[in-house]
Amino acid sequence: MVVLKKIKASTLMETLVATVLIVVVFMLASVILNNLFSNTIKSNTAEIDNYLSELEYQYMNDKIELPFFDDFKTWEITIQSNDQAEEQQVILEAVNSDTKQIITKHISEN
């Protein structure tokens, strides 16, 4: 007959504690990653930057008149002329109605 060797094992309580710790670590990691991805998506302004460039092009080619107001998804866009000193400037401003983020572009007319 073969004599079985006694294998050292952990108790049920140790296994449960280890499982709970692993679950807590994975939950914290998933919450952190979720916040990171949602903030990245909210702060992405590539689409509105492209639209503002398109509006700037239209203004430069006299396709739109000032003052100009428009809505683009959650953005409120205004284009206004600002006469200061000797130089006339046109200000393109986009305000996100959800996050209150503001994007401003200046066009100098010489």
PDB file of N, CA and C in Angstrom:
ATOM      1  N   MET A   1       0.795  -1.176   0.000  1.00  0.00           N
ATOM      2  CA  MET A   1       0.000   0.000   0.000  1.00  0.00           C
ATOM      3  C   MET A   1       0.848   1.254   0.000  1.00  0.00           C
ATOM      4  N   VAL A   2       0.320   2.235  -0.658  1.00  0.00           N
ATOM      5  CA  VAL A   2       1.024   3.510  -0.756  1.00  0.00           C
ATOM      6  C   VAL A   2       0.565   4.406   0.383  1.00  0.00           C
ATOM      7  N   VAL A   3       1.517   4.989   1.027  1.00  0.00           N
ATOM      8  CA  VAL A   3       1.206   5.904   2.118  1.00  0.00           C
ATOM      9  C   VAL A   3       1.037   7.303   1.528  1.00  0.00           C
ATOM     10  N   LEU A   4      -0.122   7.921   1.798  1.00  0.00           N
ATOM     11  CA  LEU A   4      -0.394   9.264   1.271  1.00  0.00           C
ATOM     12  C   LEU A   4       0.309  10.309   2.118  1.00  0.00           C
ATOM     13  N   LYS A   5       0.895  11.278   1.414  1.00  0.00           N
ATOM     14  CA  LYS A   5       1.523  12.380   2.129  1.00  0.00           C
ATOM     15  C   LYS A   5       0.462  13.413   2.477  1.00  0.00           C
ATOM     16  N   LYS A   6       0.621  13.997   3.601  1.00  0.00           N
ATOM     17  CA  LYS A   6      -0.323  15.023   4.016  1.00  0.00           C
ATOM     18  C   LYS A   6       0.045  16.338   3.321  1.00  0.00           C
ATOM     19  N   ILE A   7      -0.927  16.914   2.601  1.00  0.00           N
ATOM     20  CA  ILE A   7      -0.712  18.165   1.874  1.00  0.00           C
ATOM     21  C   ILE A   7      -1.207  19.308   2.749  1.00  0.00           C
ATOM     22  N   LYS A   8      -0.367  20.318   2.843  1.00  0.00           N
ATOM     23  CA  LYS A   8      -0.743  21.469   3.647  1.00  0.00           C
ATOM     24  C   LYS A   8      -1.718  22.320   2.837  1.00  0.00           C
ATOM     25  N   ALA A   9      -2.857  22.668   3.392  1.00  0.00           N
ATOM     26  CA  ALA A   9      -3.882  23.438   2.690  1.00  0.00           C
ATOM     27  C   ALA A   9      -4.361  24.572   3.581  1.00  0.00           C
ATOM     28  N   SER A  10      -5.107  25.501   2.945  1.00  0.00           N
ATOM     29  CA  SER A  10      -5.629  26.620   3.710  1.00  0.00           C
ATOM     30  C   SER A  10      -7.026  26.272   4.223  1.00  0.00           C
ATOM     31  N   THR A  11      -7.437  26.971   5.239  1.00  0.00           N
ATOM     32  CA  THR A  11      -8.762  26.730   5.794  1.00  0.00           C
ATOM     33  C   THR A  11      -9.806  27.455   4.958  1.00  0.00           C
ATOM     34  N   LEU A  12     -11.050  27.140   5.202  1.00  0.00           N
ATOM     35  CA  LEU A  12     -12.146  27.767   4.468  1.00  0.00           C
ATOM     36  C   LEU A  12     -12.182  29.266   4.739  1.00  0.00           C
ATOM     37  N   MET A  13     -11.938  29.671   5.962  1.00  0.00           N
ATOM     38  CA  MET A  13     -11.957  31.086   6.319  1.00  0.00           C
ATOM     39  C   MET A  13     -10.854  31.852   5.593  1.00  0.00           C
ATOM     40  N   GLU A  14      -9.679  31.317   5.498  1.00  0.00           N
ATOM     41  CA  GLU A  14      -8.585  31.979   4.771  1.00  0.00           C
ATOM     42  C   GLU A  14      -8.933  32.128   3.298  1.00  0.00           C
ATOM     43  N   THR A  15      -9.548  31.126   2.721  1.00  0.00           N
ATOM     44  CA  THR A  15      -9.943  31.172   1.311  1.00  0.00           C
ATOM     45  C   THR A  15     -11.001  32.249   1.083  1.00  0.00           C
ATOM     46  N   LEU A  16     -11.975  32.343   1.969  1.00  0.00           N
ATOM     47  CA  LEU A  16     -13.014  33.369   1.839  1.00  0.00           C
ATOM     48  C   LEU A  16     -12.439  34.772   1.970  1.00  0.00           C
ATOM     49  N   VAL A  17     -11.537  34.970   2.917  1.00  0.00           N
ATOM     50  CA  VAL A  17     -10.917  36.286   3.094  1.00  0.00           C
ATOM     51  C   VAL A  17     -10.125  36.668   1.853  1.00  0.00           C
ATOM     52  N   ALA A  18      -9.373  35.758   1.308  1.00  0.00           N
ATOM     53  CA  ALA A  18      -8.595  36.030   0.097  1.00  0.00           C
ATOM     54  C   ALA A  18      -9.515  36.357  -1.077  1.00  0.00           C
ATOM     55  N   THR A  19     -10.627  35.634  -1.200  1.00  0.00           N
ATOM     56  CA  THR A  19     -11.588  35.893  -2.278  1.00  0.00           C
ATOM     57  C   THR A  19     -12.206  37.278  -2.138  1.00  0.00           C
ATOM     58  N   VAL A  20     -12.580  37.643  -0.940  1.00  0.00           N
ATOM     59  CA  VAL A  20     -13.171  38.966  -0.709  1.00  0.00           C
ATOM     60  C   VAL A  20     -12.163  40.067  -1.036  1.00  0.00           C
ATOM     61  N   LEU A  21     -10.932  39.898  -0.641  1.00  0.00           N
ATOM     62  CA  LEU A  21      -9.894  40.893  -0.947  1.00  0.00           C
ATOM     63  C   LEU A  21      -9.699  41.045  -2.453  1.00  0.00           C
ATOM     64  N   ILE A  22      -9.679  39.943  -3.174  1.00  0.00           N
ATOM     65  CA  ILE A  22      -9.516  40.008  -4.633  1.00  0.00           C
ATOM     66  C   ILE A  22     -10.700  40.712  -5.272  1.00  0.00           C
ATOM     67  N   VAL A  23     -11.927  40.415  -4.815  1.00  0.00           N
ATOM     68  CA  VAL A  23     -13.119  41.073  -5.362  1.00  0.00           C
ATOM     69  C   VAL A  23     -13.084  42.573  -5.087  1.00  0.00           C
ATOM     70  N   VAL A  24     -12.679  42.974  -3.899  1.00  0.00           N
ATOM     71  CA  VAL A  24     -12.610  44.404  -3.561  1.00  0.00           C
ATOM     72  C   VAL A  24     -11.579  45.111  -4.444  1.00  0.00           C
ATOM     73  N   VAL A  25     -10.433  44.497  -4.661  1.00  0.00           N
ATOM     74  CA  VAL A  25      -9.407  45.106  -5.520  1.00  0.00           C
ATOM     75  C   VAL A  25      -9.929  45.261  -6.947  1.00  0.00           C
ATOM     76  N   PHE A  26     -10.610  44.249  -7.482  1.00  0.00           N
ATOM     77  CA  PHE A  26     -11.144  44.355  -8.839  1.00  0.00           C
ATOM     78  C   PHE A  26     -12.270  45.388  -8.926  1.00  0.00           C
ATOM     79  N   MET A  27     -13.081  45.518  -7.894  1.00  0.00           N
ATOM     80  CA  MET A  27     -14.126  46.544  -7.899  1.00  0.00           C
ATOM     81  C   MET A  27     -13.521  47.943  -7.911  1.00  0.00           C
ATOM     82  N   LEU A  28     -12.516  48.174  -7.084  1.00  0.00           N
ATOM     83  CA  LEU A  28     -11.860  49.487  -7.063  1.00  0.00           C
ATOM     84  C   LEU A  28     -11.208  49.793  -8.415  1.00  0.00           C
ATOM     85  N   ALA A  29     -10.566  48.799  -8.989  1.00  0.00           N
ATOM     86  CA  ALA A  29      -9.930  49.007 -10.296  1.00  0.00           C
ATOM     87  C   ALA A  29     -10.966  49.332 -11.366  1.00  0.00           C
ATOM     88  N   SER A  30     -12.114  48.661 -11.334  1.00  0.00           N
ATOM     89  CA  SER A  30     -13.133  48.933 -12.353  1.00  0.00           C
ATOM     90  C   SER A  30     -13.749  50.319 -12.175  1.00  0.00           C
ATOM     91  N   VAL A  31     -13.941  50.770 -10.943  1.00  0.00           N
ATOM     92  CA  VAL A  31     -14.471  52.115 -10.698  1.00  0.00           C
ATOM     93  C   VAL A  31     -13.483  53.172 -11.179  1.00  0.00           C
ATOM     94  N   ILE A  32     -12.224  52.977 -10.900  1.00  0.00           N
ATOM     95  CA  ILE A  32     -11.194  53.936 -11.336  1.00  0.00           C
ATOM     96  C   ILE A  32     -11.127  54.002 -12.856  1.00  0.00           C
ATOM     97  N   LEU A  33     -11.126  52.851 -13.518  1.00  0.00           N
ATOM     98  CA  LEU A  33     -11.081  52.842 -14.985  1.00  0.00           C
ATOM     99  C   LEU A  33     -12.336  53.451 -15.595  1.00  0.00           C
ATOM    100  N   ASN A  34     -13.485  53.193 -15.000  1.00  0.00           N
ATOM    101  CA  ASN A  34     -14.733  53.774 -15.500  1.00  0.00           C
ATOM    102  C   ASN A  34     -14.692  55.293 -15.418  1.00  0.00           C
ATOM    103  N   ASN A  35     -14.240  55.843 -14.300  1.00  0.00           N
ATOM    104  CA  ASN A  35     -14.122  57.300 -14.161  1.00  0.00           C
ATOM    105  C   ASN A  35     -13.114  57.876 -15.150  1.00  0.00           C
ATOM    106  N   LEU A  36     -12.020  57.193 -15.328  1.00  0.00           N
ATOM    107  CA  LEU A  36     -10.991  57.655 -16.254  1.00  0.00           C
ATOM    108  C   LEU A  36     -11.523  57.721 -17.682  1.00  0.00           C
ATOM    109  N   PHE A  37     -12.207  56.677 -18.123  1.00  0.00           N
ATOM    110  CA  PHE A  37     -12.745  56.651 -19.480  1.00  0.00           C
ATOM    111  C   PHE A  37     -13.871  57.665 -19.671  1.00  0.00           C
ATOM    112  N   SER A  38     -14.743  57.812 -18.682  1.00  0.00           N
ATOM    113  CA  SER A  38     -15.836  58.773 -18.829  1.00  0.00           C
ATOM    114  C   SER A  38     -15.309  60.205 -18.857  1.00  0.00           C
ATOM    115  N   ASN A  39     -14.292  60.513 -18.063  1.00  0.00           N
ATOM    116  CA  ASN A  39     -13.702  61.857 -18.099  1.00  0.00           C
ATOM    117  C   ASN A  39     -12.998  62.114 -19.420  1.00  0.00           C
ATOM    118  N   THR A  40     -12.369  61.103 -19.972  1.00  0.00           N
ATOM    119  CA  THR A  40     -11.710  61.251 -21.270  1.00  0.00           C
ATOM    120  C   THR A  40     -12.736  61.539 -22.358  1.00  0.00           C
ATOM    121  N   ILE A  41     -13.849  60.851 -22.323  1.00  0.00           N
ATOM    122  CA  ILE A  41     -14.888  61.060 -23.330  1.00  0.00           C
ATOM    123  C   ILE A  41     -15.531  62.437 -23.170  1.00  0.00           C
ATOM    124  N   LYS A  42     -15.775  62.872 -21.931  1.00  0.00           N
ATOM    125  CA  LYS A  42     -16.392  64.178 -21.698  1.00  0.00           C
ATOM    126  C   LYS A  42     -15.483  65.326 -22.108  1.00  0.00           C
ATOM    127  N   SER A  43     -14.185  65.166 -21.940  1.00  0.00           N
ATOM    128  CA  SER A  43     -13.264  66.262 -22.248  1.00  0.00           C
ATOM    129  C   SER A  43     -12.763  66.234 -23.692  1.00  0.00           C
ATOM    130  N   ASN A  44     -13.249  65.305 -24.499  1.00  0.00           N
ATOM    131  CA  ASN A  44     -12.845  65.225 -25.900  1.00  0.00           C
ATOM    132  C   ASN A  44     -13.541  66.334 -26.685  1.00  0.00           C
ATOM    133  N   THR A  45     -12.765  67.255 -27.248  1.00  0.00           N
ATOM    134  CA  THR A  45     -13.329  68.395 -27.963  1.00  0.00           C
ATOM    135  C   THR A  45     -12.983  68.386 -29.449  1.00  0.00           C
ATOM    136  N   ALA A  46     -12.580  67.260 -29.985  1.00  0.00           N
ATOM    137  CA  ALA A  46     -12.169  67.195 -31.391  1.00  0.00           C
ATOM    138  C   ALA A  46     -13.320  67.546 -32.329  1.00  0.00           C
ATOM    139  N   GLU A  47     -14.517  67.063 -32.019  1.00  0.00           N
ATOM    140  CA  GLU A  47     -15.665  67.297 -32.894  1.00  0.00           C
ATOM    141  C   GLU A  47     -16.047  68.775 -32.954  1.00  0.00           C
ATOM    142  N   ILE A  48     -16.078  69.439 -31.807  1.00  0.00           N
ATOM    143  CA  ILE A  48     -16.433  70.858 -31.786  1.00  0.00           C
ATOM    144  C   ILE A  48     -15.306  71.702 -32.381  1.00  0.00           C
ATOM    145  N   ASP A  49     -14.061  71.291 -32.206  1.00  0.00           N
ATOM    146  CA  ASP A  49     -12.943  72.009 -32.829  1.00  0.00           C
ATOM    147  C   ASP A  49     -13.056  71.973 -34.349  1.00  0.00           C
ATOM    148  N   ASN A  50     -13.428  70.819 -34.888  1.00  0.00           N
ATOM    149  CA  ASN A  50     -13.617  70.709 -36.339  1.00  0.00           C
ATOM    150  C   ASN A  50     -14.761  71.597 -36.811  1.00  0.00           C
ATOM    151  N   TYR A  51     -15.852  71.626 -36.047  1.00  0.00           N
ATOM    152  CA  TYR A  51     -16.992  72.455 -36.433  1.00  0.00           C
ATOM    153  C   TYR A  51     -16.647  73.938 -36.355  1.00  0.00           C
ATOM    154  N   LEU A  52     -15.892  74.334 -35.336  1.00  0.00           N
ATOM    155  CA  LEU A  52     -15.458  75.735 -35.241  1.00  0.00           C
ATOM    156  C   LEU A  52     -14.535  76.114 -36.390  1.00  0.00           C
ATOM    157  N   SER A  53     -13.682  75.212 -36.802  1.00  0.00           N
ATOM    158  CA  SER A  53     -12.811  75.470 -37.964  1.00  0.00           C
ATOM    159  C   SER A  53     -13.635  75.632 -39.231  1.00  0.00           C
ATOM    160  N   GLU A  54     -14.686  74.823 -39.346  1.00  0.00           N
ATOM    161  CA  GLU A  54     -15.579  74.943 -40.504  1.00  0.00           C
ATOM    162  C   GLU A  54     -16.293  76.296 -40.495  1.00  0.00           C
ATOM    163  N   LEU A  55     -16.760  76.726 -39.330  1.00  0.00           N
ATOM    164  CA  LEU A  55     -17.409  78.036 -39.233  1.00  0.00           C
ATOM    165  C   LEU A  55     -16.429  79.175 -39.511  1.00  0.00           C
ATOM    166  N   GLU A  56     -15.198  79.024 -39.056  1.00  0.00           N
ATOM    167  CA  GLU A  56     -14.170  80.029 -39.335  1.00  0.00           C
ATOM    168  C   GLU A  56     -13.928  80.142 -40.837  1.00  0.00           C
ATOM    169  N   TYR A  57     -13.875  79.009 -41.499  1.00  0.00           N
ATOM    170  CA  TYR A  57     -13.690  78.999 -42.958  1.00  0.00           C
ATOM    171  C   TYR A  57     -14.870  79.678 -43.645  1.00  0.00           C
ATOM    172  N   GLN A  58     -16.089  79.376 -43.187  1.00  0.00           N
ATOM    173  CA  GLN A  58     -17.269  79.997 -43.783  1.00  0.00           C
ATOM    174  C   GLN A  58     -17.270  81.500 -43.558  1.00  0.00           C
ATOM    175  N   TYR A  59     -16.836  81.950 -42.390  1.00  0.00           N
ATOM    176  CA  TYR A  59     -16.782  83.383 -42.120  1.00  0.00           C
ATOM    177  C   TYR A  59     -15.744  84.061 -43.015  1.00  0.00           C
ATOM    178  N   MET A  60     -14.589  83.446 -43.141  1.00  0.00           N
ATOM    179  CA  MET A  60     -13.525  84.027 -43.970  1.00  0.00           C
ATOM    180  C   MET A  60     -13.943  84.156 -45.436  1.00  0.00           C
ATOM    181  N   ASN A  61     -14.850  83.281 -45.870  1.00  0.00           N
ATOM    182  CA  ASN A  61     -15.318  83.314 -47.257  1.00  0.00           C
ATOM    183  C   ASN A  61     -16.703  83.945 -47.392  1.00  0.00           C
ATOM    184  N   ASP A  62     -17.087  84.750 -46.396  1.00  0.00           N
ATOM    185  CA  ASP A  62     -18.336  85.519 -46.399  1.00  0.00           C
ATOM    186  C   ASP A  62     -19.583  84.663 -46.621  1.00  0.00           C
ATOM    187  N   LYS A  63     -19.629  83.500 -46.015  1.00  0.00           N
ATOM    188  CA  LYS A  63     -20.803  82.626 -46.109  1.00  0.00           C
ATOM    189  C   LYS A  63     -21.751  82.811 -44.924  1.00  0.00           C
ATOM    190  N   ILE A  64     -21.252  83.394 -43.833  1.00  0.00           N
ATOM    191  CA  ILE A  64     -22.109  83.667 -42.676  1.00  0.00           C
ATOM    192  C   ILE A  64     -21.929  85.124 -42.269  1.00  0.00           C
ATOM    193  N   GLU A  65     -22.983  85.685 -41.674  1.00  0.00           N
ATOM    194  CA  GLU A  65     -22.951  87.071 -41.240  1.00  0.00           C
ATOM    195  C   GLU A  65     -22.917  87.139 -39.720  1.00  0.00           C
ATOM    196  N   LEU A  66     -22.327  88.215 -39.239  1.00  0.00           N
ATOM    197  CA  LEU A  66     -22.213  88.409 -37.796  1.00  0.00           C
ATOM    198  C   LEU A  66     -23.339  89.284 -37.297  1.00  0.00           C
ATOM    199  N   PRO A  67     -23.787  89.122 -36.096  1.00  0.00           N
ATOM    200  CA  PRO A  67     -23.483  88.059 -35.129  1.00  0.00           C
ATOM    201  C   PRO A  67     -24.142  86.747 -35.555  1.00  0.00           C
ATOM    202  N   PHE A  68     -23.495  85.652 -35.198  1.00  0.00           N
ATOM    203  CA  PHE A  68     -23.944  84.319 -35.593  1.00  0.00           C
ATOM    204  C   PHE A  68     -24.146  83.483 -34.343  1.00  0.00           C
ATOM    205  N   PHE A  69     -25.284  82.809 -34.267  1.00  0.00           N
ATOM    206  CA  PHE A  69     -25.597  81.934 -33.136  1.00  0.00           C
ATOM    207  C   PHE A  69     -26.020  80.581 -33.676  1.00  0.00           C
ATOM    208  N   ASP A  70     -25.549  79.514 -33.019  1.00  0.00           N
ATOM    209  CA  ASP A  70     -25.874  78.163 -33.483  1.00  0.00           C
ATOM    210  C   ASP A  70     -25.774  77.189 -32.311  1.00  0.00           C
ATOM    211  N   ASP A  71     -26.434  76.055 -32.456  1.00  0.00           N
ATOM    212  CA  ASP A  71     -26.321  74.954 -31.506  1.00  0.00           C
ATOM    213  C   ASP A  71     -25.737  73.752 -32.229  1.00  0.00           C
ATOM    214  N   PHE A  72     -24.766  73.118 -31.609  1.00  0.00           N
ATOM    215  CA  PHE A  72     -24.146  71.919 -32.153  1.00  0.00           C
ATOM    216  C   PHE A  72     -24.086  70.884 -31.041  1.00  0.00           C
ATOM    217  N   LYS A  73     -24.975  69.898 -31.121  1.00  0.00           N
ATOM    218  CA  LYS A  73     -25.114  68.878 -30.072  1.00  0.00           C
ATOM    219  C   LYS A  73     -25.340  69.574 -28.732  1.00  0.00           C
ATOM    220  N   THR A  74     -24.433  69.479 -27.783  1.00  0.00           N
ATOM    221  CA  THR A  74     -24.629  70.130 -26.474  1.00  0.00           C
ATOM    222  C   THR A  74     -23.886  71.459 -26.389  1.00  0.00           C
ATOM    223  N   TRP A  75     -23.392  71.960 -27.508  1.00  0.00           N
ATOM    224  CA  TRP A  75     -22.610  73.192 -27.534  1.00  0.00           C
ATOM    225  C   TRP A  75     -23.449  74.348 -28.068  1.00  0.00           C
ATOM    226  N   GLU A  76     -23.314  75.509 -27.426  1.00  0.00           N
ATOM    227  CA  GLU A  76     -23.932  76.746 -27.903  1.00  0.00           C
ATOM    228  C   GLU A  76     -22.819  77.623 -28.471  1.00  0.00           C
ATOM    229  N   ILE A  77     -22.944  77.962 -29.743  1.00  0.00           N
ATOM    230  CA  ILE A  77     -21.864  78.652 -30.461  1.00  0.00           C
ATOM    231  C   ILE A  77     -22.290  80.085 -30.778  1.00  0.00           C
ATOM    232  N   THR A  78     -21.390  81.016 -30.514  1.00  0.00           N
ATOM    233  CA  THR A  78     -21.611  82.409 -30.896  1.00  0.00           C
ATOM    234  C   THR A  78     -20.368  82.921 -31.616  1.00  0.00           C
ATOM    235  N   ILE A  79     -20.618  83.716 -32.645  1.00  0.00           N
ATOM    236  CA  ILE A  79     -19.530  84.388 -33.354  1.00  0.00           C
ATOM    237  C   ILE A  79     -19.881  85.868 -33.377  1.00  0.00           C
ATOM    238  N   GLN A  80     -18.988  86.684 -32.789  1.00  0.00           N
ATOM    239  CA  GLN A  80     -19.250  88.112 -32.697  1.00  0.00           C
ATOM    240  C   GLN A  80     -18.001  88.901 -33.035  1.00  0.00           C
ATOM    241  N   SER A  81     -18.239  90.100 -33.505  1.00  0.00           N
ATOM    242  CA  SER A  81     -17.147  91.006 -33.816  1.00  0.00           C
ATOM    243  C   SER A  81     -16.809  91.814 -32.569  1.00  0.00           C
ATOM    244  N   ASN A  82     -15.503  91.998 -32.351  1.00  0.00           N
ATOM    245  CA  ASN A  82     -15.030  92.743 -31.187  1.00  0.00           C
ATOM    246  C   ASN A  82     -14.083  93.827 -31.683  1.00  0.00           C
ATOM    247  N   ASP A  83     -14.547  95.079 -31.672  1.00  0.00           N
ATOM    248  CA  ASP A  83     -13.722  96.194 -32.139  1.00  0.00           C
ATOM    249  C   ASP A  83     -12.945  96.770 -30.972  1.00  0.00           C
ATOM    250  N   GLN A  84     -11.652  96.489 -30.948  1.00  0.00           N
ATOM    251  CA  GLN A  84     -10.795  97.027 -29.895  1.00  0.00           C
ATOM    252  C   GLN A  84      -9.604  97.720 -30.548  1.00  0.00           C
ATOM    253  N   ALA A  85      -9.338  98.880 -30.037  1.00  0.00           N
ATOM    254  CA  ALA A  85      -8.193  99.679 -30.491  1.00  0.00           C
ATOM    255  C   ALA A  85      -8.196  99.796 -32.012  1.00  0.00           C
ATOM    256  N   GLU A  86      -7.078  99.462 -32.637  1.00  0.00           N
ATOM    257  CA  GLU A  86      -6.952  99.614 -34.082  1.00  0.00           C
ATOM    258  C   GLU A  86      -7.276  98.325 -34.821  1.00  0.00           C
ATOM    259  N   GLU A  87      -7.309  97.248 -34.113  1.00  0.00           N
ATOM    260  CA  GLU A  87      -7.454  95.943 -34.760  1.00  0.00           C
ATOM    261  C   GLU A  87      -8.837  95.361 -34.484  1.00  0.00           C
ATOM    262  N   GLN A  88      -9.506  94.917 -35.546  1.00  0.00           N
ATOM    263  CA  GLN A  88     -10.811  94.284 -35.375  1.00  0.00           C
ATOM    264  C   GLN A  88     -10.615  92.779 -35.206  1.00  0.00           C
ATOM    265  N   GLN A  89     -11.274  92.223 -34.213  1.00  0.00           N
ATOM    266  CA  GLN A  89     -11.190  90.782 -33.962  1.00  0.00           C
ATOM    267  C   GLN A  89     -12.574  90.173 -34.026  1.00  0.00           C
ATOM    268  N   VAL A  90     -12.608  88.926 -34.485  1.00  0.00           N
ATOM    269  CA  VAL A  90     -13.836  88.136 -34.457  1.00  0.00           C
ATOM    270  C   VAL A  90     -13.609  87.019 -33.460  1.00  0.00           C
ATOM    271  N   ILE A  91     -14.572  86.843 -32.563  1.00  0.00           N
ATOM    272  CA  ILE A  91     -14.430  85.856 -31.498  1.00  0.00           C
ATOM    273  C   ILE A  91     -15.439  84.731 -31.722  1.00  0.00           C
ATOM    274  N   LEU A  92     -14.921  83.515 -31.856  1.00  0.00           N
ATOM    275  CA  LEU A  92     -15.746  82.317 -31.916  1.00  0.00           C
ATOM    276  C   LEU A  92     -15.737  81.701 -30.524  1.00  0.00           C
ATOM    277  N   GLU A  93     -16.920  81.495 -29.957  1.00  0.00           N
ATOM    278  CA  GLU A  93     -16.998  80.945 -28.609  1.00  0.00           C
ATOM    279  C   GLU A  93     -18.018  79.812 -28.585  1.00  0.00           C
ATOM    280  N   ALA A  94     -17.603  78.691 -28.018  1.00  0.00           N
ATOM    281  CA  ALA A  94     -18.487  77.536 -27.862  1.00  0.00           C
ATOM    282  C   ALA A  94     -18.564  77.189 -26.381  1.00  0.00           C
ATOM    283  N   VAL A  95     -19.784  77.068 -25.867  1.00  0.00           N
ATOM    284  CA  VAL A  95     -20.008  76.749 -24.453  1.00  0.00           C
ATOM    285  C   VAL A  95     -20.816  75.454 -24.382  1.00  0.00           C
ATOM    286  N   ASN A  96     -20.292  74.489 -23.660  1.00  0.00           N
ATOM    287  CA  ASN A  96     -21.004  73.226 -23.472  1.00  0.00           C
ATOM    288  C   ASN A  96     -22.045  73.420 -22.378  1.00  0.00           C
ATOM    289  N   SER A  97     -23.301  73.144 -22.698  1.00  0.00           N
ATOM    290  CA  SER A  97     -24.374  73.370 -21.732  1.00  0.00           C
ATOM    291  C   SER A  97     -24.374  72.343 -20.609  1.00  0.00           C
ATOM    292  N   ASP A  98     -23.735  71.197 -20.807  1.00  0.00           N
ATOM    293  CA  ASP A  98     -23.677  70.173 -19.755  1.00  0.00           C
ATOM    294  C   ASP A  98     -22.512  70.406 -18.797  1.00  0.00           C
ATOM    295  N   THR A  99     -21.321  70.566 -19.351  1.00  0.00           N
ATOM    296  CA  THR A  99     -20.113  70.647 -18.524  1.00  0.00           C
ATOM    297  C   THR A  99     -19.636  72.067 -18.287  1.00  0.00           C
ATOM    298  N   LYS A 100     -20.274  73.064 -18.922  1.00  0.00           N
ATOM    299  CA  LYS A 100     -19.895  74.485 -18.812  1.00  0.00           C
ATOM    300  C   LYS A 100     -18.463  74.739 -19.302  1.00  0.00           C
ATOM    301  N   GLN A 101     -17.962  73.875 -20.155  1.00  0.00           N
ATOM    302  CA  GLN A 101     -16.629  74.055 -20.733  1.00  0.00           C
ATOM    303  C   GLN A 101     -16.716  75.101 -21.845  1.00  0.00           C
ATOM    304  N   ILE A 102     -15.714  75.968 -21.936  1.00  0.00           N
ATOM    305  CA  ILE A 102     -15.713  77.057 -22.913  1.00  0.00           C
ATOM    306  C   ILE A 102     -14.501  76.909 -23.826  1.00  0.00           C
ATOM    307  N   ILE A 103     -14.766  77.010 -25.135  1.00  0.00           N
ATOM    308  CA  ILE A 103     -13.693  77.002 -26.134  1.00  0.00           C
ATOM    309  C   ILE A 103     -13.791  78.318 -26.897  1.00  0.00           C
ATOM    310  N   THR A 104     -12.681  79.046 -26.977  1.00  0.00           N
ATOM    311  CA  THR A 104     -12.671  80.350 -27.623  1.00  0.00           C
ATOM    312  C   THR A 104     -11.589  80.383 -28.702  1.00  0.00           C
ATOM    313  N   LYS A 105     -11.945  80.956 -29.863  1.00  0.00           N
ATOM    314  CA  LYS A 105     -10.984  81.182 -30.944  1.00  0.00           C
ATOM    315  C   LYS A 105     -11.075  82.644 -31.345  1.00  0.00           C
ATOM    316  N   HIS A 106      -9.937  83.232 -31.663  1.00  0.00           N
ATOM    317  CA  HIS A 106      -9.891  84.625 -32.105  1.00  0.00           C
ATOM    318  C   HIS A 106      -9.402  84.665 -33.552  1.00  0.00           C
ATOM    319  N   ILE A 107     -10.074  85.486 -34.358  1.00  0.00           N
ATOM    320  CA  ILE A 107      -9.675  85.704 -35.745  1.00  0.00           C
ATOM    321  C   ILE A 107      -9.336  87.182 -35.881  1.00  0.00           C
ATOM    322  N   SER A 108      -8.127  87.479 -36.275  1.00  0.00           N
ATOM    323  CA  SER A 108      -7.719  88.870 -36.476  1.00  0.00           C
ATOM    324  C   SER A 108      -7.946  89.250 -37.929  1.00  0.00           C
ATOM    325  N   GLU A 109      -8.546  90.394 -38.130  1.00  0.00           N
ATOM    326  CA  GLU A 109      -8.774  90.897 -39.495  1.00  0.00           C
ATOM    327  C   GLU A 109      -7.858  92.071 -39.739  1.00  0.00           C
ATOM    328  N   ASN A 110      -6.993  91.903 -40.676  1.00  0.00           N
ATOM    329  CA  ASN A 110      -6.060  92.984 -41.027  1.00  0.00           C
ATOM    330  C   ASN A 110      -6.258  93.402 -42.448  1.00  0.00           C
TER     331      ASN A 110
END
